[in-house]
């Protein structure tokens, strides 16, 4: 089965061997306060800095999911309110969840084809966080590094938080362009679902220390204190941490992965642009995602395409949110082989060209 679902998605084929290695090495039974765990975490953090080009002064934490990161940011860094800029279902979900915890949070939607108009974004004085979804998985759009830089330069005091769930470990992110980045491992990391990654700037940690909110098991100050000793605030997903370490050991630098995905994305977009039977959901190349491609058509046609693909051993991603019925989505993640995309193109050419 070829899996193009944009999360949970295809895992690296080597994960099968890593699972056996974890069992044979006894890693599934180690205490999370013991030396073996601490050494594994120390090695993992170093590998992530090296492979993903995370700045040395940024802090790396591990959570249960990207969704937990929404909660941590609201509870530990938002005494007043956050501003949420969104153009799709996942950015809006983040906004709605934050608003339940902090009722004064506010949002601004922008269009599917729009580049964020940074100079004209209304930011209220007591805004603690500006929240952006870098790759909107629901529709296949993204916010560029250049736009993040403009946000950073325009609004100096609020922390800039970025949901990079569908781009971290795939796209060559410029971490210095924001204070907070987070993701889940079931997409570009090529791992089973069940763990999140949270990356924070020194300014973020200073802000958390100043607020010093310790009411929650996952308060950021508590996570930071534990991570100084390469430990977690609660019993973690040791298996996924081990798998992440093994994947990081054997994958190339993010610059190389990014180049591969850029070329593959260009090939996919060109392929679909030349077809008459279907259209790309996002017409503006400037806002098209590197890692999620959305294809649209009549509802019945989309349902039929997914059904026929499944009979050929090909899983296409369902549409999401307002595009649930009239789109399918294709993941462009590092764990998916180039040859799989050749099979996909041949299938579509044979049935719909």
C-alpha atoms as a PDB file:
ATOM      1  CA  UNK A   1       0.000   0.000   0.000  1.00  0.00           C
ATOM      2  CA  UNK A   2       1.339   3.422  -1.007  1.00  0.00           C
ATOM      3  CA  UNK A   3       0.315   6.009   1.580  1.00  0.00           C
ATOM      4  CA  UNK A   4       0.053   9.673   0.571  1.00  0.00           C
ATOM      5  CA  UNK A   5      -2.124  10.663   3.527  1.00  0.00           C
ATOM      6  CA  UNK A   6      -0.747  13.898   5.032  1.00  0.00           C
ATOM      7  CA  UNK A   7      -0.578  12.562   8.575  1.00  0.00           C
ATOM      8  CA  UNK A   8      -0.371  10.135  10.143  1.00  0.00           C
ATOM      9  CA  UNK A   9       1.606   9.233   7.098  1.00  0.00           C
ATOM     10  CA  UNK A  10       4.240   6.895   5.715  1.00  0.00           C
ATOM     11  CA  UNK A  11       6.956   5.988   8.214  1.00  0.00           C
ATOM     12  CA  UNK A  12      10.554   5.449   7.205  1.00  0.00           C
ATOM     13  CA  UNK A  13      10.975   1.784   6.179  1.00  0.00           C
ATOM     14  CA  UNK A  14      13.920   1.513   8.573  1.00  0.00           C
ATOM     15  CA  UNK A  15      11.515   2.024  11.491  1.00  0.00           C
ATOM     16  CA  UNK A  16      10.750  -1.702  11.349  1.00  0.00           C
ATOM     17  CA  UNK A  17      14.383  -2.491  12.160  1.00  0.00           C
ATOM     18  CA  UNK A  18      14.587   0.275  14.764  1.00  0.00           C
ATOM     19  CA  UNK A  19      11.615  -1.234  16.617  1.00  0.00           C
ATOM     20  CA  UNK A  20      13.428  -4.556  16.908  1.00  0.00           C
ATOM     21  CA  UNK A  21      16.625  -2.785  17.972  1.00  0.00           C
ATOM     22  CA  UNK A  22      14.755  -0.898  20.702  1.00  0.00           C
ATOM     23  CA  UNK A  23      13.444  -4.183  22.088  1.00  0.00           C
ATOM     24  CA  UNK A  24      16.769  -6.015  21.814  1.00  0.00           C
ATOM     25  CA  UNK A  25      18.662  -3.158  23.485  1.00  0.00           C
ATOM     26  CA  UNK A  26      16.202  -3.077  26.381  1.00  0.00           C
ATOM     27  CA  UNK A  27      15.215   0.525  25.649  1.00  0.00           C
ATOM     28  CA  UNK A  28      11.512  -0.214  26.111  1.00  0.00           C
ATOM     29  CA  UNK A  29      12.027  -0.897  29.813  1.00  0.00           C
ATOM     30  CA  UNK A  30      14.456   1.814  30.897  1.00  0.00           C
ATOM     31  CA  UNK A  31      13.480   4.287  33.667  1.00  0.00           C
ATOM     32  CA  UNK A  32      13.020   7.823  32.383  1.00  0.00           C
ATOM     33  CA  UNK A  33      15.141   9.226  35.212  1.00  0.00           C
ATOM     34  CA  UNK A  34      18.027   6.825  34.603  1.00  0.00           C
ATOM     35  CA  UNK A  35      21.395   7.451  32.960  1.00  0.00           C
ATOM     36  CA  UNK A  36      20.615   5.521  29.760  1.00  0.00           C
ATOM     37  CA  UNK A  37      17.575   7.690  29.141  1.00  0.00           C
ATOM     38  CA  UNK A  38      19.461  10.895  29.928  1.00  0.00           C
ATOM     39  CA  UNK A  39      22.263   9.932  27.544  1.00  0.00           C
ATOM     40  CA  UNK A  40      19.755   9.089  24.813  1.00  0.00           C
ATOM     41  CA  UNK A  41      18.092  12.482  25.259  1.00  0.00           C
ATOM     42  CA  UNK A  42      21.422  14.302  25.235  1.00  0.00           C
ATOM     43  CA  UNK A  43      22.357  12.572  21.986  1.00  0.00           C
ATOM     44  CA  UNK A  44      18.923  13.221  20.472  1.00  0.00           C
ATOM     45  CA  UNK A  45      18.964  16.945  21.208  1.00  0.00           C
ATOM     46  CA  UNK A  46      22.430  17.257  19.673  1.00  0.00           C
ATOM     47  CA  UNK A  47      21.352  15.341  16.580  1.00  0.00           C
ATOM     48  CA  UNK A  48      18.264  17.501  16.112  1.00  0.00           C
ATOM     49  CA  UNK A  49      20.301  20.690  16.308  1.00  0.00           C
ATOM     50  CA  UNK A  50      22.696  19.310  13.725  1.00  0.00           C
ATOM     51  CA  UNK A  51      20.227  17.748  11.294  1.00  0.00           C
ATOM     52  CA  UNK A  52      17.489  20.398  11.455  1.00  0.00           C
ATOM     53  CA  UNK A  53      19.772  23.422  11.895  1.00  0.00           C
ATOM     54  CA  UNK A  54      18.199  24.474  15.194  1.00  0.00           C
ATOM     55  CA  UNK A  55      20.191  27.332  16.822  1.00  0.00           C
ATOM     56  CA  UNK A  56      22.379  26.356  19.752  1.00  0.00           C
ATOM     57  CA  UNK A  57      20.634  28.763  22.125  1.00  0.00           C
ATOM     58  CA  UNK A  58      17.124  27.516  21.323  1.00  0.00           C
ATOM     59  CA  UNK A  59      15.584  24.951  23.668  1.00  0.00           C
ATOM     60  CA  UNK A  60      14.071  21.651  22.501  1.00  0.00           C
ATOM     61  CA  UNK A  61      11.250  19.917  24.379  1.00  0.00           C
ATOM     62  CA  UNK A  62       9.151  16.835  23.718  1.00  0.00           C
ATOM     63  CA  UNK A  63       5.393  16.674  24.251  1.00  0.00           C
ATOM     64  CA  UNK A  64       2.588  14.219  23.548  1.00  0.00           C
ATOM     65  CA  UNK A  65       1.459  16.060  20.402  1.00  0.00           C
ATOM     66  CA  UNK A  66       1.377  19.402  18.613  1.00  0.00           C
ATOM     67  CA  UNK A  67      -2.079  19.883  20.130  1.00  0.00           C
ATOM     68  CA  UNK A  68      -0.550  19.764  23.611  1.00  0.00           C
ATOM     69  CA  UNK A  69       1.736  22.584  22.492  1.00  0.00           C
ATOM     70  CA  UNK A  70      -1.354  24.753  21.908  1.00  0.00           C
ATOM     71  CA  UNK A  71      -2.235  24.183  25.551  1.00  0.00           C
ATOM     72  CA  UNK A  72       1.278  24.865  26.850  1.00  0.00           C
ATOM     73  CA  UNK A  73       1.504  28.169  24.977  1.00  0.00           C
ATOM     74  CA  UNK A  74      -1.894  29.337  26.219  1.00  0.00           C
ATOM     75  CA  UNK A  75      -1.238  28.362  29.836  1.00  0.00           C
ATOM     76  CA  UNK A  76       2.429  29.303  30.185  1.00  0.00           C
ATOM     77  CA  UNK A  77       2.892  32.304  27.863  1.00  0.00           C
ATOM     78  CA  UNK A  78      -0.489  34.002  27.471  1.00  0.00           C
ATOM     79  CA  UNK A  79      -1.550  35.947  30.576  1.00  0.00           C
ATOM     80  CA  UNK A  80      -3.725  38.230  28.425  1.00  0.00           C
ATOM     81  CA  UNK A  81      -4.409  37.204  24.829  1.00  0.00           C
ATOM     82  CA  UNK A  82      -2.990  35.820  21.613  1.00  0.00           C
ATOM     83  CA  UNK A  83      -3.643  36.837  18.000  1.00  0.00           C
ATOM     84  CA  UNK A  84      -4.243  33.991  15.558  1.00  0.00           C
ATOM     85  CA  UNK A  85      -3.690  34.489  11.827  1.00  0.00           C
ATOM     86  CA  UNK A  86      -5.247  31.649   9.852  1.00  0.00           C
ATOM     87  CA  UNK A  87      -6.616  30.640   6.455  1.00  0.00           C
ATOM     88  CA  UNK A  88      -7.636  27.054   7.142  1.00  0.00           C
ATOM     89  CA  UNK A  89      -9.099  24.537   9.551  1.00  0.00           C
ATOM     90  CA  UNK A  90      -6.029  23.810  11.686  1.00  0.00           C
ATOM     91  CA  UNK A  91      -5.115  27.444  12.267  1.00  0.00           C
ATOM     92  CA  UNK A  92      -8.728  28.099  13.231  1.00  0.00           C
ATOM     93  CA  UNK A  93      -8.765  25.079  15.586  1.00  0.00           C
ATOM     94  CA  UNK A  94      -5.701  26.489  17.353  1.00  0.00           C
ATOM     95  CA  UNK A  95      -7.505  29.827  17.724  1.00  0.00           C
ATOM     96  CA  UNK A  96     -10.694  28.256  19.056  1.00  0.00           C
ATOM     97  CA  UNK A  97      -8.798  26.135  21.598  1.00  0.00           C
ATOM     98  CA  UNK A  98      -6.729  29.095  22.824  1.00  0.00           C
ATOM     99  CA  UNK A  99      -9.912  31.155  23.174  1.00  0.00           C
ATOM    100  CA  UNK A 100     -11.442  28.521  25.443  1.00  0.00           C
ATOM    101  CA  UNK A 101      -8.462  28.903  27.784  1.00  0.00           C
ATOM    102  CA  UNK A 102      -7.997  32.652  27.310  1.00  0.00           C
ATOM    103  CA  UNK A 103     -11.340  34.228  26.295  1.00  0.00           C
ATOM    104  CA  UNK A 104      -9.718  37.484  25.116  1.00  0.00           C
ATOM    105  CA  UNK A 105      -7.791  35.739  22.338  1.00  0.00           C
ATOM    106  CA  UNK A 106      -8.701  37.077  18.904  1.00  0.00           C
ATOM    107  CA  UNK A 107      -8.255  35.921  15.338  1.00  0.00           C
ATOM    108  CA  UNK A 108      -7.914  37.270  11.833  1.00  0.00           C
ATOM    109  CA  UNK A 109      -8.704  35.074   8.859  1.00  0.00           C
ATOM    110  CA  UNK A 110      -7.112  35.635   5.472  1.00  0.00           C
ATOM    111  CA  UNK A 111      -7.888  34.219   2.064  1.00  0.00           C
ATOM    112  CA  UNK A 112      -6.711  30.964   0.560  1.00  0.00           C
ATOM    113  CA  UNK A 113      -4.740  32.732  -2.188  1.00  0.00           C
ATOM    114  CA  UNK A 114      -3.510  35.635  -0.040  1.00  0.00           C
ATOM    115  CA  UNK A 115      -0.048  36.462   1.241  1.00  0.00           C
ATOM    116  CA  UNK A 116      -0.342  37.875   4.767  1.00  0.00           C
ATOM    117  CA  UNK A 117      -0.545  41.674   4.603  1.00  0.00           C
ATOM    118  CA  UNK A 118       1.759  42.227   7.573  1.00  0.00           C
ATOM    119  CA  UNK A 119       1.754  46.069   7.761  1.00  0.00           C
ATOM    120  CA  UNK A 120      -2.045  46.134   8.052  1.00  0.00           C
ATOM    121  CA  UNK A 121      -2.502  43.445  10.699  1.00  0.00           C
ATOM    122  CA  UNK A 122      -4.259  45.011  13.728  1.00  0.00           C
ATOM    123  CA  UNK A 123      -2.364  43.892  16.836  1.00  0.00           C
ATOM    124  CA  UNK A 124      -3.768  44.966  20.196  1.00  0.00           C
ATOM    125  CA  UNK A 125      -1.401  46.392  22.805  1.00  0.00           C
ATOM    126  CA  UNK A 126      -1.521  43.600  25.373  1.00  0.00           C
ATOM    127  CA  UNK A 127      -1.076  40.769  22.852  1.00  0.00           C
ATOM    128  CA  UNK A 128       1.296  38.148  24.261  1.00  0.00           C
ATOM    129  CA  UNK A 129       1.564  35.849  21.239  1.00  0.00           C
ATOM    130  CA  UNK A 130       1.111  36.107  17.487  1.00  0.00           C
ATOM    131  CA  UNK A 131       0.232  32.638  16.200  1.00  0.00           C
ATOM    132  CA  UNK A 132       0.750  31.445  12.626  1.00  0.00           C
ATOM    133  CA  UNK A 133       0.302  28.069  10.948  1.00  0.00           C
ATOM    134  CA  UNK A 134       3.332  27.733   8.675  1.00  0.00           C
ATOM    135  CA  UNK A 135       1.866  24.913   6.582  1.00  0.00           C
ATOM    136  CA  UNK A 136      -1.928  24.693   6.635  1.00  0.00           C
ATOM    137  CA  UNK A 137      -2.476  20.972   6.189  1.00  0.00           C
ATOM    138  CA  UNK A 138      -6.184  21.342   5.477  1.00  0.00           C
ATOM    139  CA  UNK A 139      -5.699  23.200   2.192  1.00  0.00           C
ATOM    140  CA  UNK A 140      -2.044  22.953   1.151  1.00  0.00           C
ATOM    141  CA  UNK A 141      -0.948  26.559   1.718  1.00  0.00           C
ATOM    142  CA  UNK A 142       2.032  27.935   3.597  1.00  0.00           C
ATOM    143  CA  UNK A 143       3.413  31.111   5.141  1.00  0.00           C
ATOM    144  CA  UNK A 144       6.902  31.872   3.831  1.00  0.00           C
ATOM    145  CA  UNK A 145      10.029  32.539   5.874  1.00  0.00           C
ATOM    146  CA  UNK A 146      10.039  36.060   4.412  1.00  0.00           C
ATOM    147  CA  UNK A 147       6.551  36.720   5.795  1.00  0.00           C
ATOM    148  CA  UNK A 148       7.642  35.455   9.211  1.00  0.00           C
ATOM    149  CA  UNK A 149      10.585  37.865   9.084  1.00  0.00           C
ATOM    150  CA  UNK A 150       8.197  40.736   8.333  1.00  0.00           C
ATOM    151  CA  UNK A 151       6.030  39.739  11.304  1.00  0.00           C
ATOM    152  CA  UNK A 152       9.101  39.559  13.516  1.00  0.00           C
ATOM    153  CA  UNK A 153      10.286  43.014  12.440  1.00  0.00           C
ATOM    154  CA  UNK A 154       6.853  44.660  12.576  1.00  0.00           C
ATOM    155  CA  UNK A 155       5.783  43.421  16.013  1.00  0.00           C
ATOM    156  CA  UNK A 156       8.701  43.414  18.438  1.00  0.00           C
ATOM    157  CA  UNK A 157       7.106  42.622  21.780  1.00  0.00           C
ATOM    158  CA  UNK A 158       4.702  39.690  21.237  1.00  0.00           C
ATOM    159  CA  UNK A 159       6.277  36.277  20.908  1.00  0.00           C
ATOM    160  CA  UNK A 160       5.881  34.769  17.435  1.00  0.00           C
ATOM    161  CA  UNK A 161       4.611  31.172  17.599  1.00  0.00           C
ATOM    162  CA  UNK A 162       4.564  28.898  14.542  1.00  0.00           C
ATOM    163  CA  UNK A 163       2.705  25.626  14.031  1.00  0.00           C
ATOM    164  CA  UNK A 164       5.094  23.711  11.757  1.00  0.00           C
ATOM    165  CA  UNK A 165       3.369  20.339  12.087  1.00  0.00           C
ATOM    166  CA  UNK A 166       3.479  19.565   8.362  1.00  0.00           C
ATOM    167  CA  UNK A 167       6.844  21.165   7.604  1.00  0.00           C
ATOM    168  CA  UNK A 168       9.338  20.625  10.442  1.00  0.00           C
ATOM    169  CA  UNK A 169      11.938  18.015   9.382  1.00  0.00           C
ATOM    170  CA  UNK A 170      10.893  18.471   5.755  1.00  0.00           C
ATOM    171  CA  UNK A 171      11.295  22.158   4.957  1.00  0.00           C
ATOM    172  CA  UNK A 172      14.491  24.045   5.794  1.00  0.00           C
ATOM    173  CA  UNK A 173      12.937  26.260   8.448  1.00  0.00           C
ATOM    174  CA  UNK A 174      14.766  29.375   9.611  1.00  0.00           C
ATOM    175  CA  UNK A 175      14.211  28.952  13.328  1.00  0.00           C
ATOM    176  CA  UNK A 176      15.560  32.407  14.184  1.00  0.00           C
ATOM    177  CA  UNK A 177      12.536  33.886  12.355  1.00  0.00           C
ATOM    178  CA  UNK A 178      10.225  33.010  15.276  1.00  0.00           C
ATOM    179  CA  UNK A 179      10.307  32.434  19.022  1.00  0.00           C
ATOM    180  CA  UNK A 180       8.337  29.197  19.134  1.00  0.00           C
ATOM    181  CA  UNK A 181       8.033  26.293  16.707  1.00  0.00           C
ATOM    182  CA  UNK A 182       6.180  23.044  17.235  1.00  0.00           C
ATOM    183  CA  UNK A 183       5.250  19.920  15.298  1.00  0.00           C
ATOM    184  CA  UNK A 184       4.151  16.300  15.585  1.00  0.00           C
ATOM    185  CA  UNK A 185       6.361  13.424  14.462  1.00  0.00           C
ATOM    186  CA  UNK A 186       3.814  11.585  12.276  1.00  0.00           C
ATOM    187  CA  UNK A 187       4.422  13.765   9.228  1.00  0.00           C
ATOM    188  CA  UNK A 188       7.833  14.914   7.975  1.00  0.00           C
ATOM    189  CA  UNK A 189       9.679  13.089  10.754  1.00  0.00           C
ATOM    190  CA  UNK A 190       8.432   9.807   9.279  1.00  0.00           C
ATOM    191  CA  UNK A 191       7.488   8.243  12.619  1.00  0.00           C
ATOM    192  CA  UNK A 192       4.363   6.761  14.223  1.00  0.00           C
ATOM    193  CA  UNK A 193       1.999   9.260  15.850  1.00  0.00           C
ATOM    194  CA  UNK A 194       2.281   9.898  19.564  1.00  0.00           C
ATOM    195  CA  UNK A 195       4.845  12.647  20.165  1.00  0.00           C
ATOM    196  CA  UNK A 196       5.339  16.363  19.599  1.00  0.00           C
ATOM    197  CA  UNK A 197       8.418  18.580  19.346  1.00  0.00           C
ATOM    198  CA  UNK A 198       8.524  22.100  20.816  1.00  0.00           C
ATOM    199  CA  UNK A 199      11.394  24.489  20.020  1.00  0.00           C
ATOM    200  CA  UNK A 200      11.698  27.756  21.994  1.00  0.00           C
ATOM    201  CA  UNK A 201      13.947  30.807  21.774  1.00  0.00           C
ATOM    202  CA  UNK A 202      15.807  32.197  24.803  1.00  0.00           C
ATOM    203  CA  UNK A 203      13.299  35.076  24.870  1.00  0.00           C
ATOM    204  CA  UNK A 204      10.453  32.583  25.192  1.00  0.00           C
ATOM    205  CA  UNK A 205      12.040  30.905  28.207  1.00  0.00           C
ATOM    206  CA  UNK A 206      12.744  34.287  29.818  1.00  0.00           C
ATOM    207  CA  UNK A 207       9.101  35.232  29.321  1.00  0.00           C
ATOM    208  CA  UNK A 208       7.935  31.931  30.841  1.00  0.00           C
ATOM    209  CA  UNK A 209      10.241  32.371  33.832  1.00  0.00           C
ATOM    210  CA  UNK A 210       8.926  35.885  34.374  1.00  0.00           C
ATOM    211  CA  UNK A 211       5.338  34.639  34.426  1.00  0.00           C
ATOM    212  CA  UNK A 212       6.409  31.572  36.451  1.00  0.00           C
ATOM    213  CA  UNK A 213       3.131  29.719  36.021  1.00  0.00           C
ATOM    214  CA  UNK A 214       3.592  26.319  37.689  1.00  0.00           C
ATOM    215  CA  UNK A 215      -0.022  25.224  37.961  1.00  0.00           C
ATOM    216  CA  UNK A 216       0.154  22.497  35.316  1.00  0.00           C
ATOM    217  CA  UNK A 217       2.104  19.278  34.852  1.00  0.00           C
ATOM    218  CA  UNK A 218       3.287  20.626  31.482  1.00  0.00           C
ATOM    219  CA  UNK A 219       3.999  24.234  32.459  1.00  0.00           C
ATOM    220  CA  UNK A 220       6.857  25.504  30.326  1.00  0.00           C
ATOM    221  CA  UNK A 221       9.023  26.502  33.294  1.00  0.00           C
ATOM    222  CA  UNK A 222       8.677  22.950  34.621  1.00  0.00           C
ATOM    223  CA  UNK A 223       9.556  21.456  31.213  1.00  0.00           C
ATOM    224  CA  UNK A 224      12.585  23.744  31.036  1.00  0.00           C
ATOM    225  CA  UNK A 225      13.870  22.848  34.493  1.00  0.00           C
ATOM    226  CA  UNK A 226      13.635  19.137  33.738  1.00  0.00           C
ATOM    227  CA  UNK A 227      15.201  19.487  30.294  1.00  0.00           C
ATOM    228  CA  UNK A 228      18.282  21.164  31.778  1.00  0.00           C
ATOM    229  CA  UNK A 229      19.064  17.619  32.951  1.00  0.00           C
ATOM    230  CA  UNK A 230      17.773  16.026  29.718  1.00  0.00           C
ATOM    231  CA  UNK A 231      14.659  14.746  31.410  1.00  0.00           C
ATOM    232  CA  UNK A 232      10.946  15.238  30.831  1.00  0.00           C
ATOM    233  CA  UNK A 233       8.244  16.535  33.160  1.00  0.00           C
ATOM    234  CA  UNK A 234       6.233  13.329  32.864  1.00  0.00           C
ATOM    235  CA  UNK A 235       6.828   9.769  31.706  1.00  0.00           C
ATOM    236  CA  UNK A 236       7.496  10.218  27.994  1.00  0.00           C
ATOM    237  CA  UNK A 237       7.025   8.109  24.891  1.00  0.00           C
ATOM    238  CA  UNK A 238      10.433   6.444  25.235  1.00  0.00           C
ATOM    239  CA  UNK A 239       9.946   4.325  22.118  1.00  0.00           C
ATOM    240  CA  UNK A 240       9.239   7.310  19.870  1.00  0.00           C
ATOM    241  CA  UNK A 241      12.173   9.205  21.376  1.00  0.00           C
ATOM    242  CA  UNK A 242      14.396   6.243  20.528  1.00  0.00           C
ATOM    243  CA  UNK A 243      12.957   6.025  17.004  1.00  0.00           C
ATOM    244  CA  UNK A 244      13.477   9.758  16.510  1.00  0.00           C
ATOM    245  CA  UNK A 245      17.097   9.426  17.569  1.00  0.00           C
ATOM    246  CA  UNK A 246      17.684   6.570  15.107  1.00  0.00           C
ATOM    247  CA  UNK A 247      16.011   8.461  12.260  1.00  0.00           C
ATOM    248  CA  UNK A 248      18.096  11.564  13.003  1.00  0.00           C
ATOM    249  CA  UNK A 249      21.275   9.490  13.010  1.00  0.00           C
ATOM    250  CA  UNK A 250      20.696   8.206   9.500  1.00  0.00           C
ATOM    251  CA  UNK A 251      19.059  11.058   7.615  1.00  0.00           C
ATOM    252  CA  UNK A 252      20.856  13.824   5.676  1.00  0.00           C
ATOM    253  CA  UNK A 253      20.985  17.460   6.717  1.00  0.00           C
ATOM    254  CA  UNK A 254      17.735  19.402   6.362  1.00  0.00           C
ATOM    255  CA  UNK A 255      19.155  21.503   3.519  1.00  0.00           C
ATOM    256  CA  UNK A 256      19.476  18.369   1.388  1.00  0.00           C
ATOM    257  CA  UNK A 257      16.009  17.094   2.314  1.00  0.00           C
ATOM    258  CA  UNK A 258      14.497  20.499   1.547  1.00  0.00           C
ATOM    259  CA  UNK A 259      16.084  20.532  -1.911  1.00  0.00           C
ATOM    260  CA  UNK A 260      14.673  17.082  -2.637  1.00  0.00           C
ATOM    261  CA  UNK A 261      11.172  18.075  -1.519  1.00  0.00           C
ATOM    262  CA  UNK A 262      11.262  21.355  -3.459  1.00  0.00           C
ATOM    263  CA  UNK A 263      12.064  19.492  -6.668  1.00  0.00           C
ATOM    264  CA  UNK A 264       9.399  16.888  -6.001  1.00  0.00           C
ATOM    265  CA  UNK A 265       6.795  19.541  -5.178  1.00  0.00           C
ATOM    266  CA  UNK A 266       7.596  21.383  -8.409  1.00  0.00           C
ATOM    267  CA  UNK A 267       7.184  18.143 -10.342  1.00  0.00           C
ATOM    268  CA  UNK A 268       3.834  17.418  -8.670  1.00  0.00           C
ATOM    269  CA  UNK A 269       2.444  20.907  -9.235  1.00  0.00           C
ATOM    270  CA  UNK A 270       3.572  20.887 -12.865  1.00  0.00           C
ATOM    271  CA  UNK A 271       2.024  17.465 -13.396  1.00  0.00           C
ATOM    272  CA  UNK A 272      -1.382  18.505 -12.041  1.00  0.00           C
ATOM    273  CA  UNK A 273      -1.347  21.864 -13.839  1.00  0.00           C
ATOM    274  CA  UNK A 274      -1.096  20.035 -17.151  1.00  0.00           C
ATOM    275  CA  UNK A 275      -4.129  17.834 -16.502  1.00  0.00           C
ATOM    276  CA  UNK A 276      -7.566  18.883 -17.699  1.00  0.00           C
ATOM    277  CA  UNK A 277      -9.569  16.492 -15.535  1.00  0.00           C
ATOM    278  CA  UNK A 278      -8.589  18.106 -12.251  1.00  0.00           C
ATOM    279  CA  UNK A 279      -7.352  21.373 -10.764  1.00  0.00           C
ATOM    280  CA  UNK A 280      -5.047  22.428  -7.983  1.00  0.00           C
ATOM    281  CA  UNK A 281      -6.952  23.912  -5.054  1.00  0.00           C
ATOM    282  CA  UNK A 282      -4.334  26.650  -4.557  1.00  0.00           C
ATOM    283  CA  UNK A 283      -3.757  28.694  -7.700  1.00  0.00           C
ATOM    284  CA  UNK A 284      -1.210  31.176  -6.320  1.00  0.00           C
ATOM    285  CA  UNK A 285       2.275  29.562  -6.504  1.00  0.00           C
ATOM    286  CA  UNK A 286       3.553  31.972  -3.848  1.00  0.00           C
ATOM    287  CA  UNK A 287       1.403  30.420  -1.132  1.00  0.00           C
ATOM    288  CA  UNK A 288       1.480  26.766  -2.196  1.00  0.00           C
ATOM    289  CA  UNK A 289       2.805  24.364   0.408  1.00  0.00           C
ATOM    290  CA  UNK A 290       6.008  22.427  -0.117  1.00  0.00           C
ATOM    291  CA  UNK A 291       4.737  19.376   1.743  1.00  0.00           C
ATOM    292  CA  UNK A 292       0.964  19.104   1.129  1.00  0.00           C
ATOM    293  CA  UNK A 293      -0.603  19.274  -2.347  1.00  0.00           C
ATOM    294  CA  UNK A 294      -4.389  19.741  -2.586  1.00  0.00           C
ATOM    295  CA  UNK A 295      -6.261  18.680  -5.730  1.00  0.00           C
ATOM    296  CA  UNK A 296      -9.886  19.696  -6.300  1.00  0.00           C
ATOM    297  CA  UNK A 297     -12.782  18.504  -8.417  1.00  0.00           C
ATOM    298  CA  UNK A 298     -16.513  17.720  -8.235  1.00  0.00           C
ATOM    299  CA  UNK A 299     -17.502  15.854  -5.069  1.00  0.00           C
ATOM    300  CA  UNK A 300     -18.453  12.632  -6.872  1.00  0.00           C
ATOM    301  CA  UNK A 301     -15.291  12.679  -8.959  1.00  0.00           C
ATOM    302  CA  UNK A 302     -13.069  13.105  -5.883  1.00  0.00           C
ATOM    303  CA  UNK A 303     -14.814  10.240  -4.074  1.00  0.00           C
ATOM    304  CA  UNK A 304     -14.460   8.021  -7.140  1.00  0.00           C
ATOM    305  CA  UNK A 305     -10.767   8.882  -7.588  1.00  0.00           C
ATOM    306  CA  UNK A 306     -10.009   7.929  -3.978  1.00  0.00           C
ATOM    307  CA  UNK A 307     -12.005   4.712  -4.288  1.00  0.00           C
ATOM    308  CA  UNK A 308     -10.290   3.581  -7.498  1.00  0.00           C
ATOM    309  CA  UNK A 309      -6.871   4.535  -6.118  1.00  0.00           C
ATOM    310  CA  UNK A 310      -7.509   2.364  -3.063  1.00  0.00           C
ATOM    311  CA  UNK A 311      -8.203  -0.643  -5.301  1.00  0.00           C
ATOM    312  CA  UNK A 312      -4.754  -0.049  -6.826  1.00  0.00           C
ATOM    313  CA  UNK A 313      -3.082   0.028  -3.403  1.00  0.00           C
ATOM    314  CA  UNK A 314      -2.829   3.832  -3.288  1.00  0.00           C
ATOM    315  CA  UNK A 315      -4.137   5.848  -0.329  1.00  0.00           C
ATOM    316  CA  UNK A 316      -4.948   9.467  -1.166  1.00  0.00           C
ATOM    317  CA  UNK A 317      -5.559  11.876   1.691  1.00  0.00           C
ATOM    318  CA  UNK A 318      -9.129  12.988   2.305  1.00  0.00           C
ATOM    319  CA  UNK A 319     -10.003  16.642   2.029  1.00  0.00           C
ATOM    320  CA  UNK A 320     -10.448  18.550   5.286  1.00  0.00           C
ATOM    321  CA  UNK A 321     -12.734  21.229   6.707  1.00  0.00           C
ATOM    322  CA  UNK A 322     -14.650  23.177   4.033  1.00  0.00           C
ATOM    323  CA  UNK A 323     -12.711  21.258   1.361  1.00  0.00           C
ATOM    324  CA  UNK A 324     -13.550  17.814   2.804  1.00  0.00           C
ATOM    325  CA  UNK A 325     -15.620  16.575  -0.132  1.00  0.00           C
ATOM    326  CA  UNK A 326     -14.183  18.393  -3.142  1.00  0.00           C
ATOM    327  CA  UNK A 327     -10.448  17.783  -2.639  1.00  0.00           C
ATOM    328  CA  UNK A 328      -7.935  15.069  -1.973  1.00  0.00           C
ATOM    329  CA  UNK A 329      -4.514  15.766  -0.502  1.00  0.00           C
ATOM    330  CA  UNK A 330      -1.098  14.348  -1.334  1.00  0.00           C
ATOM    331  CA  UNK A 331       1.711  14.369   1.220  1.00  0.00           C
ATOM    332  CA  UNK A 332       5.181  15.298  -0.004  1.00  0.00           C
ATOM    333  CA  UNK A 333       7.046  13.963   3.019  1.00  0.00           C
ATOM    334  CA  UNK A 334      10.661  12.736   3.176  1.00  0.00           C
ATOM    335  CA  UNK A 335       9.800   9.136   4.127  1.00  0.00           C
ATOM    336  CA  UNK A 336       7.861   8.608   0.881  1.00  0.00           C
ATOM    337  CA  UNK A 337      10.064   7.275  -1.927  1.00  0.00           C
ATOM    338  CA  UNK A 338      10.364   8.993  -5.315  1.00  0.00           C
ATOM    339  CA  UNK A 339       9.245   5.744  -6.938  1.00  0.00           C
ATOM    340  CA  UNK A 340       5.916   5.969  -5.083  1.00  0.00           C
ATOM    341  CA  UNK A 341       5.187   9.286  -6.781  1.00  0.00           C
ATOM    342  CA  UNK A 342       5.974   7.738 -10.139  1.00  0.00           C
ATOM    343  CA  UNK A 343       3.340   5.074  -9.434  1.00  0.00           C
ATOM    344  CA  UNK A 344       0.891   7.813  -8.425  1.00  0.00           C
ATOM    345  CA  UNK A 345       1.498   9.837 -11.584  1.00  0.00           C
ATOM    346  CA  UNK A 346       1.099   6.743 -13.747  1.00  0.00           C
ATOM    347  CA  UNK A 347      -2.181   5.875 -12.033  1.00  0.00           C
ATOM    348  CA  UNK A 348      -3.600   9.358 -12.555  1.00  0.00           C
ATOM    349  CA  UNK A 349      -2.340   9.589 -16.136  1.00  0.00           C
ATOM    350  CA  UNK A 350      -3.883   6.231 -17.033  1.00  0.00           C
ATOM    351  CA  UNK A 351      -7.265   7.016 -15.495  1.00  0.00           C
ATOM    352  CA  UNK A 352      -7.722  10.762 -15.864  1.00  0.00           C
ATOM    353  CA  UNK A 353      -5.488  12.139 -18.598  1.00  0.00           C
END
